[in-house]
Structure formats: structure tokens, C-alpha cells
Amino acid sequence: MKPAKISASPPSPQWVIDISNIPNVSRPTSQSRIPDPPGFGGNSNAGGGKQKAPPAKPPPSQSETDTLFLKKSWELALSPTKSLPMNFIMMYMSGNTLQIFSIMMVWMLFTNPLKAIANVNATFRRFDNERTHARLLTVKMVYVALQVLALGLGVWKVNGMGLLPNRRSDWLAWEKVRLPLEQVGVGQFFDASGGGSAR
């Protein structure tokens, strides 16, 4: 009896042979690297000398700081004007019927300006110092005026929904009954003698 032949394994694919025979490639040294762009060199600049540190910027003066504070405070004071047109359009589009959406919008129109007016000093406290205190008074007044304008928008919406008691029919419980000066009637009446006569 002849021994069975053992079949040889199939040859490996070419990519397996290429991976197993990768030559040792040395990494490039720092001398052969691509040079850094101008202004980004770590050790040397384009001239090859030692890189100089940029000159330090002088700190801002007190007048420049106060001007910056006032500019930022005006930006904060005028910020409610950005939301007023959007609130007006939303109030107009929500209709005058009593529904949860319009009630929530009216509630926000009243609570947010009232909170802003109550916290006006805390809002502008970071810009307040002894040099800008007098000039911040005008900024605060403009801020409060814009919040009152937002409150007026809420009052307009409440009036459109019929919740503002500004009509005579809203106060009928306090109206006095008018006594007529004369009464006109058609029919039969009886006098004191007991006889009746018809009119």
C-alpha cells in the first residue's frame, strides 16, 4: 500500500510577502526635515539667528478701560431691542384666543421685564466704578425704558385677548340701577274706589 501524498499549502499572496519583507527605513533626522514657515520656527528664524520675542503690549489706560466699559454697557442696555420685533410678531401670530401658548407668552412678557428692572443694578455692576458711575445712569435709564416698552407689548396683548378690564361691561356689578322717571303701560287699571276703567 502506497503512503498518501500530503498536499502542499497554496502560495501566499503578494501583499503578504511585501508586508513580511519591509525594509528598515530610518526616520528622517531633524536636519533633513522641512523647515518651519516664517514666524513659526521653534529655535531659529529665517535669518538663522536667535528668534526675538514680540514686544509686550502696554496695558490699557484707565480712560481706555472706562470707554470700553461704557461701550459694553450700551450694548447690554440696547440688547432688549433685538427681541422686541420677534415678540411682537409672535404675539400677533398667536391670536387673541385663550390658549396655553398665548398665556405662556404673555406670562413671559410680564415676568422677564419685571425681573430685569428689579436686577438692573446687578446687571450693570461689573461696569460700575467711581469714574463711570455718573455716566451709567443714562445707560440704566435706557435699559429700564426698553423693559417698560416690553411690558407695554404685554399689556397690548392682554387687551387684545379681552383680559384687561377697560370696558364698561367689565364693571356691571358696580353699576347702579337707574330709576325711570315715567312709566308707560297699556291695559286696565283700578282706582281706589274699586271701579275699573280701561284705557
C-alpha atoms as a PDB file:
ATOM      1  CA  MET A   1       0.000   0.000   0.000  1.00  0.00           C
ATOM      2  CA  LYS A   2       1.339   3.427  -1.042  1.00  0.00           C
ATOM      3  CA  PRO A   3       1.512   6.274   1.525  1.00  0.00           C
ATOM      4  CA  ALA A   4      -0.880   9.168   0.876  1.00  0.00           C
ATOM      5  CA  LYS A   5       0.681  12.298  -0.501  1.00  0.00           C
ATOM      6  CA  ILE A   6       0.370  15.400   1.679  1.00  0.00           C
ATOM      7  CA  SER A   7      -0.803  18.349  -0.435  1.00  0.00           C
ATOM      8  CA  ALA A   8       1.335  21.475  -0.205  1.00  0.00           C
ATOM      9  CA  SER A   9      -0.256  24.702   1.072  1.00  0.00           C
ATOM     10  CA  PRO A  10      -1.106  27.273  -1.597  1.00  0.00           C
ATOM     11  CA  PRO A  11       1.410  30.080  -2.113  1.00  0.00           C
ATOM     12  CA  SER A  12       0.944  33.284  -0.082  1.00  0.00           C
ATOM     13  CA  PRO A  13      -0.456  36.342  -1.818  1.00  0.00           C
ATOM     14  CA  GLN A  14       1.937  39.029  -2.953  1.00  0.00           C
ATOM     15  CA  TRP A  15       0.774  41.590  -0.319  1.00  0.00           C
ATOM     16  CA  VAL A  16       1.644  39.158   2.493  1.00  0.00           C
ATOM     17  CA  ILE A  17       5.141  38.733   1.062  1.00  0.00           C
ATOM     18  CA  ASP A  18       5.531  42.522   0.752  1.00  0.00           C
ATOM     19  CA  ILE A  19       4.492  43.135   4.372  1.00  0.00           C
ATOM     20  CA  SER A  20       6.801  40.469   5.745  1.00  0.00           C
ATOM     21  CA  ASN A  21       9.790  41.859   3.833  1.00  0.00           C
ATOM     22  CA  ILE A  22       9.520  45.580   4.724  1.00  0.00           C
ATOM     23  CA  PRO A  23      12.996  47.107   4.738  1.00  0.00           C
ATOM     24  CA  ASN A  24      14.148  49.042   7.771  1.00  0.00           C
ATOM     25  CA  VAL A  25      13.750  52.676   6.786  1.00  0.00           C
ATOM     26  CA  SER A  26      15.325  55.113   9.163  1.00  0.00           C
ATOM     27  CA  ARG A  27      13.316  58.132  10.211  1.00  0.00           C
ATOM     28  CA  PRO A  28      14.496  61.467   8.853  1.00  0.00           C
ATOM     29  CA  THR A  29      16.687  63.428  11.193  1.00  0.00           C
ATOM     30  CA  SER A  30      15.983  66.945  12.284  1.00  0.00           C
ATOM     31  CA  GLN A  31      18.463  68.314   9.727  1.00  0.00           C
ATOM     32  CA  SER A  32      16.534  66.778   6.814  1.00  0.00           C
ATOM     33  CA  ARG A  33      13.101  67.992   7.982  1.00  0.00           C
ATOM     34  CA  ILE A  34      11.077  70.533   6.043  1.00  0.00           C
ATOM     35  CA  PRO A  35      11.762  73.947   7.535  1.00  0.00           C
ATOM     36  CA  ASP A  36       9.063  75.664   9.574  1.00  0.00           C
ATOM     37  CA  PRO A  37       7.123  78.531   7.979  1.00  0.00           C
ATOM     38  CA  PRO A  38       8.257  82.057   8.755  1.00  0.00           C
ATOM     39  CA  GLY A  39       7.112  83.117  12.188  1.00  0.00           C
ATOM     40  CA  PHE A  40       6.570  79.531  13.388  1.00  0.00           C
ATOM     41  CA  GLY A  41      10.152  78.432  13.939  1.00  0.00           C
ATOM     42  CA  GLY A  42      10.891  76.974  17.311  1.00  0.00           C
ATOM     43  CA  ASN A  43      14.619  77.669  17.517  1.00  0.00           C
ATOM     44  CA  SER A  44      15.590  79.873  14.608  1.00  0.00           C
ATOM     45  CA  ASN A  45      14.070  82.402  12.238  1.00  0.00           C
ATOM     46  CA  ALA A  46      14.677  82.838   8.507  1.00  0.00           C
ATOM     47  CA  GLY A  47      17.988  84.581   9.104  1.00  0.00           C
ATOM     48  CA  GLY A  48      19.346  81.756  11.189  1.00  0.00           C
ATOM     49  CA  GLY A  49      19.822  83.874  14.302  1.00  0.00           C
ATOM     50  CA  LYS A  50      18.079  83.688  17.617  1.00  0.00           C
ATOM     51  CA  GLN A  51      14.350  84.452  17.408  1.00  0.00           C
ATOM     52  CA  LYS A  52      13.324  87.629  19.174  1.00  0.00           C
ATOM     53  CA  ALA A  53      10.266  87.705  21.402  1.00  0.00           C
ATOM     54  CA  PRO A  54       7.488  90.039  20.227  1.00  0.00           C
ATOM     55  CA  PRO A  55       7.349  93.337  22.064  1.00  0.00           C
ATOM     56  CA  ALA A  56       4.980  93.345  25.021  1.00  0.00           C
ATOM     57  CA  LYS A  57       1.786  95.337  24.503  1.00  0.00           C
ATOM     58  CA  PRO A  58       1.399  98.108  27.064  1.00  0.00           C
ATOM     59  CA  PRO A  59      -1.576  97.706  29.412  1.00  0.00           C
ATOM     60  CA  PRO A  60      -4.617  99.865  28.603  1.00  0.00           C
ATOM     61  CA  SER A  61      -5.004 103.123  30.435  1.00  0.00           C
ATOM     62  CA  GLN A  62      -7.878 103.912  32.768  1.00  0.00           C
ATOM     63  CA  SER A  63      -9.628 106.097  30.186  1.00  0.00           C
ATOM     64  CA  GLU A  64      -9.462 103.308  27.602  1.00  0.00           C
ATOM     65  CA  THR A  65     -10.850 100.829  30.125  1.00  0.00           C
ATOM     66  CA  ASP A  66     -13.689 103.182  31.061  1.00  0.00           C
ATOM     67  CA  THR A  67     -14.511 103.748  27.381  1.00  0.00           C
ATOM     68  CA  LEU A  68     -14.626 100.002  26.843  1.00  0.00           C
ATOM     69  CA  PHE A  69     -16.864  99.579  29.904  1.00  0.00           C
ATOM     70  CA  LEU A  70     -19.303 102.191  28.596  1.00  0.00           C
ATOM     71  CA  LYS A  71     -19.340 100.625  25.146  1.00  0.00           C
ATOM     72  CA  LYS A  72     -20.138  97.189  26.580  1.00  0.00           C
ATOM     73  CA  SER A  73     -22.774  98.642  28.910  1.00  0.00           C
ATOM     74  CA  TRP A  74     -24.521 100.332  25.958  1.00  0.00           C
ATOM     75  CA  GLU A  75     -24.510  97.030  24.081  1.00  0.00           C
ATOM     76  CA  LEU A  76     -26.131  95.383  27.101  1.00  0.00           C
ATOM     77  CA  ALA A  77     -28.662  98.203  27.528  1.00  0.00           C
ATOM     78  CA  LEU A  78     -29.774  98.041  23.883  1.00  0.00           C
ATOM     79  CA  SER A  79     -29.992  94.245  23.792  1.00  0.00           C
ATOM     80  CA  PRO A  80     -33.786  94.167  24.501  1.00  0.00           C
ATOM     81  CA  THR A  81     -34.403  95.902  21.154  1.00  0.00           C
ATOM     82  CA  LYS A  82     -33.338  92.699  19.392  1.00  0.00           C
ATOM     83  CA  SER A  83     -36.130  90.683  20.991  1.00  0.00           C
ATOM     84  CA  LEU A  84     -38.944  93.253  20.703  1.00  0.00           C
ATOM     85  CA  PRO A  85     -39.733  92.677  16.971  1.00  0.00           C
ATOM     86  CA  MET A  86     -39.683  88.911  17.424  1.00  0.00           C
ATOM     87  CA  ASN A  87     -42.006  89.131  20.447  1.00  0.00           C
ATOM     88  CA  PHE A  88     -44.372  91.439  18.559  1.00  0.00           C
ATOM     89  CA  ILE A  89     -44.614  89.044  15.610  1.00  0.00           C
ATOM     90  CA  MET A  90     -45.178  86.066  17.917  1.00  0.00           C
ATOM     91  CA  MET A  91     -47.880  87.934  19.847  1.00  0.00           C
ATOM     92  CA  TYR A  92     -49.603  88.947  16.617  1.00  0.00           C
ATOM     93  CA  MET A  93     -49.465  85.460  15.113  1.00  0.00           C
ATOM     94  CA  SER A  94     -50.691  83.665  18.251  1.00  0.00           C
ATOM     95  CA  GLY A  95     -54.160  85.223  18.014  1.00  0.00           C
ATOM     96  CA  ASN A  96     -56.466  86.638  20.673  1.00  0.00           C
ATOM     97  CA  THR A  97     -57.989  83.367  21.851  1.00  0.00           C
ATOM     98  CA  LEU A  98     -57.272  81.953  25.295  1.00  0.00           C
ATOM     99  CA  GLN A  99     -54.929  79.038  24.744  1.00  0.00           C
ATOM    100  CA  ILE A 100     -51.900  77.684  26.559  1.00  0.00           C
ATOM    101  CA  PHE A 101     -49.381  79.061  24.068  1.00  0.00           C
ATOM    102  CA  SER A 102     -50.653  82.655  24.200  1.00  0.00           C
ATOM    103  CA  ILE A 103     -50.982  82.531  28.003  1.00  0.00           C
ATOM    104  CA  MET A 104     -47.376  81.333  28.377  1.00  0.00           C
ATOM    105  CA  MET A 105     -46.132  84.022  26.001  1.00  0.00           C
ATOM    106  CA  VAL A 106     -47.964  86.756  27.909  1.00  0.00           C
ATOM    107  CA  TRP A 107     -46.619  85.402  31.208  1.00  0.00           C
ATOM    108  CA  MET A 108     -43.066  85.581  29.850  1.00  0.00           C
ATOM    109  CA  LEU A 109     -43.677  89.094  28.505  1.00  0.00           C
ATOM    110  CA  PHE A 110     -44.584  90.245  32.002  1.00  0.00           C
ATOM    111  CA  THR A 111     -42.129  88.296  34.160  1.00  0.00           C
ATOM    112  CA  ASN A 112     -38.917  88.802  32.156  1.00  0.00           C
ATOM    113  CA  PRO A 113     -39.049  92.638  32.035  1.00  0.00           C
ATOM    114  CA  LEU A 114     -40.049  92.844  35.698  1.00  0.00           C
ATOM    115  CA  LYS A 115     -37.092  90.654  36.684  1.00  0.00           C
ATOM    116  CA  ALA A 116     -34.780  92.742  34.507  1.00  0.00           C
ATOM    117  CA  ILE A 117     -35.976  96.003  36.090  1.00  0.00           C
ATOM    118  CA  ALA A 118     -35.569  94.563  39.595  1.00  0.00           C
ATOM    119  CA  ASN A 119     -31.985  93.423  38.845  1.00  0.00           C
ATOM    120  CA  VAL A 120     -30.815  96.454  36.863  1.00  0.00           C
ATOM    121  CA  ASN A 121     -28.067  97.345  39.368  1.00  0.00           C
ATOM    122  CA  ALA A 122     -26.778  93.781  39.468  1.00  0.00           C
ATOM    123  CA  THR A 123     -26.764  93.673  35.652  1.00  0.00           C
ATOM    124  CA  PHE A 124     -24.502  96.723  35.333  1.00  0.00           C
ATOM    125  CA  ARG A 125     -22.411  96.135  38.455  1.00  0.00           C
ATOM    126  CA  ARG A 126     -19.409  94.794  36.506  1.00  0.00           C
ATOM    127  CA  PHE A 127     -19.176  98.088  34.562  1.00  0.00           C
ATOM    128  CA  ASP A 128     -19.654 100.351  37.588  1.00  0.00           C
ATOM    129  CA  ASN A 129     -16.754 102.146  39.240  1.00  0.00           C
ATOM    130  CA  GLU A 130     -16.124 105.607  40.626  1.00  0.00           C
ATOM    131  CA  ARG A 131     -15.286 107.021  37.166  1.00  0.00           C
ATOM    132  CA  THR A 132     -18.204 105.532  35.212  1.00  0.00           C
ATOM    133  CA  HIS A 133     -20.908 105.698  37.881  1.00  0.00           C
ATOM    134  CA  ALA A 134     -22.398 109.003  36.717  1.00  0.00           C
ATOM    135  CA  ARG A 135     -22.370 108.052  33.035  1.00  0.00           C
ATOM    136  CA  LEU A 136     -24.004 104.673  33.711  1.00  0.00           C
ATOM    137  CA  LEU A 137     -27.155 106.400  34.956  1.00  0.00           C
ATOM    138  CA  THR A 138     -28.222 107.233  31.384  1.00  0.00           C
ATOM    139  CA  VAL A 139     -27.474 103.664  30.286  1.00  0.00           C
ATOM    140  CA  LYS A 140     -29.631 102.251  33.082  1.00  0.00           C
ATOM    141  CA  MET A 141     -32.492 104.611  32.234  1.00  0.00           C
ATOM    142  CA  VAL A 142     -32.463 103.474  28.600  1.00  0.00           C
ATOM    143  CA  TYR A 143     -32.390  99.848  29.722  1.00  0.00           C
ATOM    144  CA  VAL A 144     -35.395 100.371  32.031  1.00  0.00           C
ATOM    145  CA  ALA A 145     -37.281 102.266  29.280  1.00  0.00           C
ATOM    146  CA  LEU A 146     -36.845  99.342  26.878  1.00  0.00           C
ATOM    147  CA  GLN A 147     -38.069  96.915  29.522  1.00  0.00           C
ATOM    148  CA  VAL A 148     -41.142  99.124  30.092  1.00  0.00           C
ATOM    149  CA  LEU A 149     -41.720  99.024  26.321  1.00  0.00           C
ATOM    150  CA  ALA A 150     -41.694  95.217  26.507  1.00  0.00           C
ATOM    151  CA  LEU A 151     -44.235  95.448  29.345  1.00  0.00           C
ATOM    152  CA  GLY A 152     -46.385  97.667  27.132  1.00  0.00           C
ATOM    153  CA  LEU A 153     -46.318  94.963  24.490  1.00  0.00           C
ATOM    154  CA  GLY A 154     -47.641  92.521  27.075  1.00  0.00           C
ATOM    155  CA  VAL A 155     -50.399  94.950  28.106  1.00  0.00           C
ATOM    156  CA  TRP A 156     -51.380  95.352  24.432  1.00  0.00           C
ATOM    157  CA  LYS A 157     -51.641  91.579  24.076  1.00  0.00           C
ATOM    158  CA  VAL A 158     -53.726  91.207  27.255  1.00  0.00           C
ATOM    159  CA  ASN A 159     -56.063  93.929  25.989  1.00  0.00           C
ATOM    160  CA  GLY A 160     -56.436  92.115  22.673  1.00  0.00           C
ATOM    161  CA  MET A 161     -57.306  88.890  24.489  1.00  0.00           C
ATOM    162  CA  GLY A 162     -60.076  90.686  26.401  1.00  0.00           C
ATOM    163  CA  LEU A 163     -58.481  90.166  29.819  1.00  0.00           C
ATOM    164  CA  LEU A 164     -57.922  93.856  30.567  1.00  0.00           C
ATOM    165  CA  PRO A 165     -60.984  95.344  32.344  1.00  0.00           C
ATOM    166  CA  ASN A 166     -61.179  98.631  30.442  1.00  0.00           C
ATOM    167  CA  ARG A 167     -64.733  98.412  29.121  1.00  0.00           C
ATOM    168  CA  ARG A 168     -67.986  99.392  30.797  1.00  0.00           C
ATOM    169  CA  SER A 169     -69.317  95.859  30.529  1.00  0.00           C
ATOM    170  CA  ASP A 170     -66.479  94.655  32.768  1.00  0.00           C
ATOM    171  CA  TRP A 171     -67.822  96.734  35.687  1.00  0.00           C
ATOM    172  CA  LEU A 172     -71.562  95.924  35.534  1.00  0.00           C
ATOM    173  CA  ALA A 173     -71.562  94.591  39.092  1.00  0.00           C
ATOM    174  CA  TRP A 174     -70.856  98.114  40.364  1.00  0.00           C
ATOM    175  CA  GLU A 175     -73.398  99.870  38.127  1.00  0.00           C
ATOM    176  CA  LYS A 176     -76.438 101.345  39.894  1.00  0.00           C
ATOM    177  CA  VAL A 177     -79.915 100.544  38.648  1.00  0.00           C
ATOM    178  CA  ARG A 178     -81.457 103.600  37.033  1.00  0.00           C
ATOM    179  CA  LEU A 179     -84.899 104.578  38.271  1.00  0.00           C
ATOM    180  CA  PRO A 180     -87.241 105.607  35.457  1.00  0.00           C
ATOM    181  CA  LEU A 181     -88.875 108.990  35.660  1.00  0.00           C
ATOM    182  CA  GLU A 182     -92.022 107.836  33.837  1.00  0.00           C
ATOM    183  CA  GLN A 183     -93.680 104.523  33.087  1.00  0.00           C
ATOM    184  CA  VAL A 184     -95.936 103.862  30.129  1.00  0.00           C
ATOM    185  CA  GLY A 185     -98.268 100.884  30.104  1.00  0.00           C
ATOM    186  CA  VAL A 186    -101.233  99.542  28.138  1.00  0.00           C
ATOM    187  CA  GLY A 187    -104.053  97.680  29.891  1.00  0.00           C
ATOM    188  CA  GLN A 188    -106.634  98.022  32.666  1.00  0.00           C
ATOM    189  CA  PHE A 189    -106.030  99.727  35.974  1.00  0.00           C
ATOM    190  CA  PHE A 190    -108.241 100.018  39.061  1.00  0.00           C
ATOM    191  CA  ASP A 191    -108.738 103.168  41.061  1.00  0.00           C
ATOM    192  CA  ALA A 192    -109.176 103.382  44.817  1.00  0.00           C
ATOM    193  CA  SER A 193    -112.988 103.329  44.673  1.00  0.00           C
ATOM    194  CA  GLY A 194    -112.995  99.841  43.268  1.00  0.00           C
ATOM    195  CA  GLY A 195    -114.270 100.689  39.891  1.00  0.00           C
ATOM    196  CA  GLY A 196    -112.274  99.860  36.885  1.00  0.00           C
ATOM    197  CA  SER A 197    -111.786 101.701  33.717  1.00  0.00           C
ATOM    198  CA  ALA A 198    -109.958 100.692  30.631  1.00  0.00           C
ATOM    199  CA  ARG A 199    -107.517 102.785  28.769  1.00  0.00           C
END
